[in-house]
Amino acid sequence: MLKGIVLNNENYQPGLSIDCVIFGFHDNQLKVLLIKTPYENKWSLPGGFVPLHQDIDTAAVTVLNERTGMQGIFLRQFAAFGSVKRNDQHFGNAVLDYFKIPEEAGKWLRQRFVTIGYYALVDFLKAVPQKGNTQEIIEWIDHKEVPELILDHKKILDKALDTLRTELNLMPVGYNLLPEKFTIPELQKLYETILDKKLDRRNFLRKITNIGILHKLDEKKSNVAHKAPNLYTFDKEKYEEVLKNGLNQGW
């Protein structure tokens, strides 16, 4: 991927890149999608450069698809990162040697890159990543067990998580993260995992019910040890309406 970019750098916006933070929820863990390249010991977020013929939002979709194979993911832009030395010596001789890139052509990679951060919440079981490079490794990793990342990617990840926590007060979550049918305790666990704090059960039930996005089913969860809780689904129409108009409450 990099080799084509370097040798055709006139097709990309100089000094601008995109990094994507993709969250999924599984087994009561908030997971983040990370990539490990064959020329780097550290992991990274899915990222890439901005084609000259694409606007930023379109380029983000393109980058995510090229790096992970994912399509139809709604990406939210959340911050820009541009410290003076954020790209300092990252693409060194080892990278150029790996891709057999001449040093002169590699100068394009050594410049300072300002990166635009995007994040998304996806269905862990449906959003299956595919390697664009057979030598790369793509894995879902618990956000609390993230290994060392390249550049300032840990800062980008932390900012995305902070943004997600803030936006829980402005919008509902869960539609892309939970199964079609779920219990209130499962929904509460999702919120607690994202917020990294315990929530009062009665207070959570009152708040989430008042939002008006849940539909209670005439079914109970099966195969449970204690009293079976009721199952719910999201009312998609009301969910979309709340996403559009926003919330005004805290957790």
C-alpha atoms as a PDB file:
ATOM      1  CA  MET A   1       0.000   0.000   0.000  1.00  0.00           C
ATOM      2  CA  LEU A   2       2.657   2.526   0.996  1.00  0.00           C
ATOM      3  CA  LYS A   3       4.763   1.846  -2.069  1.00  0.00           C
ATOM      4  CA  GLY A   4       1.980   2.859  -4.422  1.00  0.00           C
ATOM      5  CA  ILE A   5       1.292   5.951  -2.374  1.00  0.00           C
ATOM      6  CA  VAL A   6       4.884   7.121  -2.313  1.00  0.00           C
ATOM      7  CA  LEU A   7       5.502   6.611  -6.009  1.00  0.00           C
ATOM      8  CA  ASN A   8       2.262   8.413  -6.874  1.00  0.00           C
ATOM      9  CA  ASN A   9       2.294  11.053  -4.164  1.00  0.00           C
ATOM     10  CA  GLU A  10       0.981  13.688  -6.568  1.00  0.00           C
ATOM     11  CA  ASN A  11      -2.404  11.969  -6.146  1.00  0.00           C
ATOM     12  CA  TYR A  12      -2.581  12.669  -2.402  1.00  0.00           C
ATOM     13  CA  GLN A  13      -3.045  15.784  -0.307  1.00  0.00           C
ATOM     14  CA  PRO A  14       0.394  16.741   1.073  1.00  0.00           C
ATOM     15  CA  GLY A  15       0.771  16.582   4.830  1.00  0.00           C
ATOM     16  CA  LEU A  16      -2.730  15.229   5.566  1.00  0.00           C
ATOM     17  CA  SER A  17      -3.821  11.795   6.762  1.00  0.00           C
ATOM     18  CA  ILE A  18      -6.780  10.028   8.374  1.00  0.00           C
ATOM     19  CA  ASP A  19      -6.916   7.640  11.324  1.00  0.00           C
ATOM     20  CA  CYS A  20     -10.004   5.652  12.284  1.00  0.00           C
ATOM     21  CA  VAL A  21     -10.989   4.416  15.749  1.00  0.00           C
ATOM     22  CA  ILE A  22     -13.459   1.558  15.322  1.00  0.00           C
ATOM     23  CA  PHE A  23     -15.239   0.370  18.477  1.00  0.00           C
ATOM     24  CA  GLY A  24     -17.139  -2.896  18.853  1.00  0.00           C
ATOM     25  CA  PHE A  25     -18.848  -4.440  21.904  1.00  0.00           C
ATOM     26  CA  HIS A  26     -18.549  -8.167  22.638  1.00  0.00           C
ATOM     27  CA  ASP A  27     -18.563 -10.313  25.791  1.00  0.00           C
ATOM     28  CA  ASN A  28     -19.030  -7.152  27.890  1.00  0.00           C
ATOM     29  CA  GLN A  29     -15.837  -5.670  26.471  1.00  0.00           C
ATOM     30  CA  LEU A  30     -15.470  -2.490  24.460  1.00  0.00           C
ATOM     31  CA  LYS A  31     -13.029  -3.516  21.760  1.00  0.00           C
ATOM     32  CA  VAL A  32     -11.016  -1.440  19.307  1.00  0.00           C
ATOM     33  CA  LEU A  33      -9.805  -2.566  15.889  1.00  0.00           C
ATOM     34  CA  LEU A  34      -6.003  -2.462  15.514  1.00  0.00           C
ATOM     35  CA  ILE A  35      -3.530  -3.336  12.764  1.00  0.00           C
ATOM     36  CA  LYS A  36       0.028  -4.635  12.948  1.00  0.00           C
ATOM     37  CA  THR A  37       2.180  -4.291   9.847  1.00  0.00           C
ATOM     38  CA  PRO A  38       5.087  -6.612   8.978  1.00  0.00           C
ATOM     39  CA  TYR A  39       7.612  -3.746   9.165  1.00  0.00           C
ATOM     40  CA  GLU A  40       6.546  -2.374  12.571  1.00  0.00           C
ATOM     41  CA  ASN A  41       6.660  -3.929  16.056  1.00  0.00           C
ATOM     42  CA  LYS A  42       3.932  -1.655  17.367  1.00  0.00           C
ATOM     43  CA  TRP A  43       0.227  -1.718  16.556  1.00  0.00           C
ATOM     44  CA  SER A  44      -1.723   1.093  14.876  1.00  0.00           C
ATOM     45  CA  LEU A  45      -5.182   2.394  14.133  1.00  0.00           C
ATOM     46  CA  PRO A  46      -6.473   1.865  10.575  1.00  0.00           C
ATOM     47  CA  GLY A  47      -5.218   4.922   8.707  1.00  0.00           C
ATOM     48  CA  GLY A  48      -4.059   6.293   5.399  1.00  0.00           C
ATOM     49  CA  PHE A  49      -3.690   9.333   3.173  1.00  0.00           C
ATOM     50  CA  VAL A  50      -6.251  11.635   1.539  1.00  0.00           C
ATOM     51  CA  PRO A  51      -6.732  11.402  -2.258  1.00  0.00           C
ATOM     52  CA  LEU A  52      -6.764  14.809  -3.939  1.00  0.00           C
ATOM     53  CA  HIS A  53     -10.056  14.067  -5.693  1.00  0.00           C
ATOM     54  CA  GLN A  54     -11.954  13.150  -2.479  1.00  0.00           C
ATOM     55  CA  ASP A  55     -13.315  15.274   0.338  1.00  0.00           C
ATOM     56  CA  ILE A  56     -12.284  14.380   3.884  1.00  0.00           C
ATOM     57  CA  ASP A  57     -15.382  12.369   4.835  1.00  0.00           C
ATOM     58  CA  THR A  58     -15.262  10.329   1.631  1.00  0.00           C
ATOM     59  CA  ALA A  59     -11.540   9.753   2.083  1.00  0.00           C
ATOM     60  CA  ALA A  60     -12.172   8.396   5.593  1.00  0.00           C
ATOM     61  CA  VAL A  61     -14.538   5.772   4.174  1.00  0.00           C
ATOM     62  CA  THR A  62     -11.985   4.933   1.481  1.00  0.00           C
ATOM     63  CA  VAL A  63      -9.142   4.580   3.983  1.00  0.00           C
ATOM     64  CA  LEU A  64     -11.155   2.336   6.295  1.00  0.00           C
ATOM     65  CA  ASN A  65     -12.221   0.117   3.397  1.00  0.00           C
ATOM     66  CA  GLU A  66      -8.690  -0.178   2.029  1.00  0.00           C
ATOM     67  CA  ARG A  67      -7.191  -1.071   5.402  1.00  0.00           C
ATOM     68  CA  THR A  68      -9.953  -3.325   6.808  1.00  0.00           C
ATOM     69  CA  GLY A  69     -12.363  -4.212   3.987  1.00  0.00           C
ATOM     70  CA  MET A  70     -15.239  -2.711   5.988  1.00  0.00           C
ATOM     71  CA  GLN A  71     -18.063  -1.017   4.093  1.00  0.00           C
ATOM     72  CA  GLY A  72     -21.182   0.913   5.060  1.00  0.00           C
ATOM     73  CA  ILE A  73     -19.664   2.180   8.328  1.00  0.00           C
ATOM     74  CA  PHE A  74     -20.876   5.573   9.558  1.00  0.00           C
ATOM     75  CA  LEU A  75     -17.777   7.501  10.630  1.00  0.00           C
ATOM     76  CA  ARG A  76     -17.916  10.556  12.879  1.00  0.00           C
ATOM     77  CA  GLN A  77     -15.114  13.126  12.680  1.00  0.00           C
ATOM     78  CA  PHE A  78     -13.990  14.044  16.185  1.00  0.00           C
ATOM     79  CA  ALA A  79     -10.606  15.826  16.254  1.00  0.00           C
ATOM     80  CA  ALA A  80      -7.443  16.823  14.410  1.00  0.00           C
ATOM     81  CA  PHE A  81      -3.937  15.962  15.598  1.00  0.00           C
ATOM     82  CA  GLY A  82      -0.973  17.984  14.409  1.00  0.00           C
ATOM     83  CA  SER A  83       1.847  18.308  16.902  1.00  0.00           C
ATOM     84  CA  VAL A  84       5.043  19.489  15.249  1.00  0.00           C
ATOM     85  CA  LYS A  85       6.925  16.222  15.730  1.00  0.00           C
ATOM     86  CA  ARG A  86       4.033  13.729  15.441  1.00  0.00           C
ATOM     87  CA  ASN A  87       5.574  12.130  12.329  1.00  0.00           C
ATOM     88  CA  ASP A  88       9.197  12.694  13.314  1.00  0.00           C
ATOM     89  CA  GLN A  89      11.338   9.811  11.972  1.00  0.00           C
ATOM     90  CA  HIS A  90       8.436   7.340  11.996  1.00  0.00           C
ATOM     91  CA  PHE A  91       8.920   6.293   8.384  1.00  0.00           C
ATOM     92  CA  GLY A  92      12.594   5.513   8.703  1.00  0.00           C
ATOM     93  CA  ASN A  93      15.009   3.507   6.582  1.00  0.00           C
ATOM     94  CA  ALA A  94      13.512   0.196   7.702  1.00  0.00           C
ATOM     95  CA  VAL A  95      10.186   1.109   6.110  1.00  0.00           C
ATOM     96  CA  LEU A  96      11.798   2.408   2.929  1.00  0.00           C
ATOM     97  CA  ASP A  97      13.940  -0.702   2.677  1.00  0.00           C
ATOM     98  CA  TYR A  98      10.944  -2.996   3.215  1.00  0.00           C
ATOM     99  CA  PHE A  99       9.025  -1.395   0.328  1.00  0.00           C
ATOM    100  CA  LYS A 100      12.185  -0.856  -1.765  1.00  0.00           C
ATOM    101  CA  ILE A 101      11.464   2.866  -1.907  1.00  0.00           C
ATOM    102  CA  PRO A 102      14.347   5.130  -2.974  1.00  0.00           C
ATOM    103  CA  GLU A 103      15.316   7.678  -0.331  1.00  0.00           C
ATOM    104  CA  GLU A 104      14.432  10.621  -2.593  1.00  0.00           C
ATOM    105  CA  ALA A 105      10.927   9.267  -3.209  1.00  0.00           C
ATOM    106  CA  GLY A 106      10.574   8.536   0.504  1.00  0.00           C
ATOM    107  CA  LYS A 107      10.912  12.191   1.463  1.00  0.00           C
ATOM    108  CA  TRP A 108       7.174  12.564   0.972  1.00  0.00           C
ATOM    109  CA  LEU A 109       6.583  10.145   3.852  1.00  0.00           C
ATOM    110  CA  ARG A 110       8.975  11.934   6.177  1.00  0.00           C
ATOM    111  CA  GLN A 111       7.110  15.237   6.173  1.00  0.00           C
ATOM    112  CA  ARG A 112       4.824  16.330   8.989  1.00  0.00           C
ATOM    113  CA  PHE A 113       1.317  14.874   8.651  1.00  0.00           C
ATOM    114  CA  VAL A 114      -1.712  16.400  10.334  1.00  0.00           C
ATOM    115  CA  THR A 115      -4.239  13.618  10.838  1.00  0.00           C
ATOM    116  CA  ILE A 116      -8.028  13.824  11.077  1.00  0.00           C
ATOM    117  CA  GLY A 117      -9.573  11.395  13.569  1.00  0.00           C
ATOM    118  CA  TYR A 118     -12.814   9.522  12.880  1.00  0.00           C
ATOM    119  CA  TYR A 119     -14.599   7.030  15.098  1.00  0.00           C
ATOM    120  CA  ALA A 120     -17.418   4.533  14.639  1.00  0.00           C
ATOM    121  CA  LEU A 121     -19.488   2.100  16.678  1.00  0.00           C
ATOM    122  CA  VAL A 122     -20.061  -1.162  14.815  1.00  0.00           C
ATOM    123  CA  ASP A 123     -21.730  -4.525  15.258  1.00  0.00           C
ATOM    124  CA  PHE A 124     -18.836  -6.741  16.340  1.00  0.00           C
ATOM    125  CA  LEU A 125     -20.351  -9.887  14.801  1.00  0.00           C
ATOM    126  CA  LYS A 126     -21.291  -8.305  11.461  1.00  0.00           C
ATOM    127  CA  ALA A 127     -18.388  -5.905  10.858  1.00  0.00           C
ATOM    128  CA  VAL A 128     -15.806  -8.559  10.010  1.00  0.00           C
ATOM    129  CA  PRO A 129     -12.439  -7.020   9.034  1.00  0.00           C
ATOM    130  CA  GLN A 130     -10.500  -8.364   6.071  1.00  0.00           C
ATOM    131  CA  LYS A 131      -6.786  -7.896   5.560  1.00  0.00           C
ATOM    132  CA  GLY A 132      -5.840  -5.695   2.615  1.00  0.00           C
ATOM    133  CA  ASN A 133      -2.288  -7.010   2.972  1.00  0.00           C
ATOM    134  CA  THR A 134      -1.858 -10.728   3.678  1.00  0.00           C
ATOM    135  CA  GLN A 135       1.174  -9.947   5.847  1.00  0.00           C
ATOM    136  CA  GLU A 136      -0.755  -7.612   8.130  1.00  0.00           C
ATOM    137  CA  ILE A 137      -2.541  -8.656  11.316  1.00  0.00           C
ATOM    138  CA  ILE A 138      -5.958  -7.172  12.160  1.00  0.00           C
ATOM    139  CA  GLU A 139      -7.429  -7.859  15.587  1.00  0.00           C
ATOM    140  CA  TRP A 140     -10.166  -6.672  17.926  1.00  0.00           C
ATOM    141  CA  ILE A 141      -8.494  -5.830  21.243  1.00  0.00           C
ATOM    142  CA  ASP A 142     -10.076  -4.857  24.559  1.00  0.00           C
ATOM    143  CA  HIS A 143      -9.664  -1.096  24.898  1.00  0.00           C
ATOM    144  CA  LYS A 144      -8.171  -1.628  28.374  1.00  0.00           C
ATOM    145  CA  GLU A 145      -5.509  -4.007  27.040  1.00  0.00           C
ATOM    146  CA  VAL A 146      -4.277  -2.026  24.042  1.00  0.00           C
ATOM    147  CA  PRO A 147      -0.555  -2.659  23.391  1.00  0.00           C
ATOM    148  CA  GLU A 148       1.943   0.056  22.501  1.00  0.00           C
ATOM    149  CA  LEU A 149       0.785   2.023  19.451  1.00  0.00           C
ATOM    150  CA  ILE A 150       2.721   3.940  16.806  1.00  0.00           C
ATOM    151  CA  LEU A 151       3.040   7.723  16.697  1.00  0.00           C
ATOM    152  CA  ASP A 152       0.313   9.437  18.739  1.00  0.00           C
ATOM    153  CA  HIS A 153      -2.294   6.746  18.082  1.00  0.00           C
ATOM    154  CA  LYS A 154      -2.828   6.139  21.812  1.00  0.00           C
ATOM    155  CA  LYS A 155      -3.654   9.839  22.179  1.00  0.00           C
ATOM    156  CA  ILE A 156      -6.077   9.561  19.239  1.00  0.00           C
ATOM    157  CA  LEU A 157      -7.715   6.480  20.769  1.00  0.00           C
ATOM    158  CA  ASP A 158      -8.067   8.157  24.172  1.00  0.00           C
ATOM    159  CA  LYS A 159      -9.594  11.255  22.593  1.00  0.00           C
ATOM    160  CA  ALA A 160     -12.075   9.115  20.649  1.00  0.00           C
ATOM    161  CA  LEU A 161     -13.114   7.347  23.855  1.00  0.00           C
ATOM    162  CA  ASP A 162     -13.500  10.681  25.687  1.00  0.00           C
ATOM    163  CA  THR A 163     -15.620  11.958  22.795  1.00  0.00           C
ATOM    164  CA  LEU A 164     -17.787   8.846  22.872  1.00  0.00           C
ATOM    165  CA  ARG A 165     -18.343   9.244  26.622  1.00  0.00           C
ATOM    166  CA  THR A 166     -19.299  12.885  26.205  1.00  0.00           C
ATOM    167  CA  GLU A 167     -21.661  12.107  23.355  1.00  0.00           C
ATOM    168  CA  LEU A 168     -23.504   9.521  25.467  1.00  0.00           C
ATOM    169  CA  ASN A 169     -25.135  12.590  27.030  1.00  0.00           C
ATOM    170  CA  LEU A 170     -26.192  13.806  23.586  1.00  0.00           C
ATOM    171  CA  MET A 171     -27.241  10.641  21.770  1.00  0.00           C
ATOM    172  CA  PRO A 172     -28.257   7.020  22.454  1.00  0.00           C
ATOM    173  CA  VAL A 173     -25.943   4.091  21.740  1.00  0.00           C
ATOM    174  CA  GLY A 174     -26.541   0.386  21.449  1.00  0.00           C
ATOM    175  CA  TYR A 175     -28.259  -0.072  18.108  1.00  0.00           C
ATOM    176  CA  ASN A 176     -25.073  -1.229  16.394  1.00  0.00           C
ATOM    177  CA  LEU A 177     -23.508  -2.807  19.468  1.00  0.00           C
ATOM    178  CA  LEU A 178     -26.118  -5.140  20.965  1.00  0.00           C
ATOM    179  CA  PRO A 179     -28.041  -8.106  19.519  1.00  0.00           C
ATOM    180  CA  GLU A 180     -31.513  -7.409  18.146  1.00  0.00           C
ATOM    181  CA  LYS A 181     -33.083  -8.564  21.421  1.00  0.00           C
ATOM    182  CA  PHE A 182     -31.448  -7.633  24.716  1.00  0.00           C
ATOM    183  CA  THR A 183     -32.147  -7.070  28.398  1.00  0.00           C
ATOM    184  CA  ILE A 184     -31.936  -3.854  30.388  1.00  0.00           C
ATOM    185  CA  PRO A 185     -28.956  -5.218  32.390  1.00  0.00           C
ATOM    186  CA  GLU A 186     -27.146  -5.924  29.103  1.00  0.00           C
ATOM    187  CA  LEU A 187     -27.831  -2.387  27.883  1.00  0.00           C
ATOM    188  CA  GLN A 188     -26.704  -0.970  31.230  1.00  0.00           C
ATOM    189  CA  LYS A 189     -23.504  -3.018  31.061  1.00  0.00           C
ATOM    190  CA  LEU A 190     -22.774  -1.479  27.656  1.00  0.00           C
ATOM    191  CA  TYR A 191     -23.095   2.029  29.090  1.00  0.00           C
ATOM    192  CA  GLU A 192     -21.012   1.120  32.142  1.00  0.00           C
ATOM    193  CA  THR A 193     -18.272  -0.353  29.959  1.00  0.00           C
ATOM    194  CA  ILE A 194     -18.068   2.768  27.798  1.00  0.00           C
ATOM    195  CA  LEU A 195     -18.248   5.154  30.755  1.00  0.00           C
ATOM    196  CA  ASP A 196     -15.955   2.976  32.892  1.00  0.00           C
ATOM    197  CA  LYS A 197     -18.143   3.415  35.955  1.00  0.00           C
ATOM    198  CA  LYS A 198     -21.055   1.719  37.721  1.00  0.00           C
ATOM    199  CA  LEU A 199     -24.538   3.131  37.203  1.00  0.00           C
ATOM    200  CA  ASP A 200     -27.467   2.903  39.611  1.00  0.00           C
ATOM    201  CA  ARG A 201     -29.871   0.276  38.261  1.00  0.00           C
ATOM    202  CA  ARG A 202     -33.124   2.132  39.007  1.00  0.00           C
ATOM    203  CA  ASN A 203     -31.777   5.476  37.832  1.00  0.00           C
ATOM    204  CA  PHE A 204     -30.540   3.938  34.585  1.00  0.00           C
ATOM    205  CA  LEU A 205     -33.876   2.212  33.954  1.00  0.00           C
ATOM    206  CA  ARG A 206     -35.761   5.476  34.536  1.00  0.00           C
ATOM    207  CA  LYS A 207     -33.510   7.506  32.242  1.00  0.00           C
ATOM    208  CA  ILE A 208     -33.311   5.003  29.412  1.00  0.00           C
ATOM    209  CA  THR A 209     -37.085   4.434  29.546  1.00  0.00           C
ATOM    210  CA  ASN A 210     -37.812   8.166  29.440  1.00  0.00           C
ATOM    211  CA  ILE A 211     -35.810   8.504  26.204  1.00  0.00           C
ATOM    212  CA  GLY A 212     -38.540   6.446  24.534  1.00  0.00           C
ATOM    213  CA  ILE A 213     -36.374   4.334  22.222  1.00  0.00           C
ATOM    214  CA  LEU A 214     -37.091   0.898  23.724  1.00  0.00           C
ATOM    215  CA  HIS A 215     -39.825  -1.573  22.868  1.00  0.00           C
ATOM    216  CA  LYS A 216     -40.591  -4.180  25.530  1.00  0.00           C
ATOM    217  CA  LEU A 217     -41.240  -7.634  24.098  1.00  0.00           C
ATOM    218  CA  ASP A 218     -43.548 -10.356  25.396  1.00  0.00           C
ATOM    219  CA  GLU A 219     -40.487 -12.523  25.797  1.00  0.00           C
ATOM    220  CA  LYS A 220     -37.990 -13.257  28.536  1.00  0.00           C
ATOM    221  CA  LYS A 221     -34.342 -14.193  28.256  1.00  0.00           C
ATOM    222  CA  SER A 222     -33.875 -17.961  28.281  1.00  0.00           C
ATOM    223  CA  ASN A 223     -31.149 -20.102  29.801  1.00  0.00           C
ATOM    224  CA  VAL A 224     -30.504 -17.887  32.824  1.00  0.00           C
ATOM    225  CA  ALA A 225     -29.807 -19.121  36.348  1.00  0.00           C
ATOM    226  CA  HIS A 226     -32.131 -16.723  38.166  1.00  0.00           C
ATOM    227  CA  LYS A 227     -35.389 -14.940  37.370  1.00  0.00           C
ATOM    228  CA  ALA A 228     -35.521 -14.390  33.629  1.00  0.00           C
ATOM    229  CA  PRO A 229     -35.432 -10.686  32.670  1.00  0.00           C
ATOM    230  CA  ASN A 230     -37.612  -9.183  29.958  1.00  0.00           C
ATOM    231  CA  LEU A 231     -36.274  -8.758  26.459  1.00  0.00           C
ATOM    232  CA  TYR A 232     -36.323  -5.443  24.592  1.00  0.00           C
ATOM    233  CA  THR A 233     -35.616  -4.154  21.108  1.00  0.00           C
ATOM    234  CA  PHE A 234     -34.841  -0.660  19.889  1.00  0.00           C
ATOM    235  CA  ASP A 235     -37.632   1.266  18.197  1.00  0.00           C
ATOM    236  CA  LYS A 236     -35.616   2.170  15.101  1.00  0.00           C
ATOM    237  CA  GLU A 237     -37.834   5.088  14.068  1.00  0.00           C
ATOM    238  CA  LYS A 238     -37.723   6.710  17.503  1.00  0.00           C
ATOM    239  CA  TYR A 239     -34.019   5.879  17.834  1.00  0.00           C
ATOM    240  CA  GLU A 240     -33.276   7.753  14.594  1.00  0.00           C
ATOM    241  CA  GLU A 241     -35.436  10.667  15.756  1.00  0.00           C
ATOM    242  CA  VAL A 242     -33.490  10.970  19.015  1.00  0.00           C
ATOM    243  CA  LEU A 243     -30.196  10.749  17.112  1.00  0.00           C
ATOM    244  CA  LYS A 244     -31.371  13.657  14.966  1.00  0.00           C
ATOM    245  CA  ASN A 245     -32.711  15.836  17.786  1.00  0.00           C
ATOM    246  CA  GLY A 246     -30.239  14.879  20.523  1.00  0.00           C
ATOM    247  CA  LEU A 247     -30.542  14.303  24.241  1.00  0.00           C
ATOM    248  CA  ASN A 248     -30.165  16.620  27.199  1.00  0.00           C
ATOM    249  CA  GLN A 249     -29.202  14.455  30.128  1.00  0.00           C
ATOM    250  CA  GLY A 250     -26.183  12.986  31.851  1.00  0.00           C
ATOM    251  CA  TRP A 251     -25.223   9.561  33.053  1.00  0.00           C
END
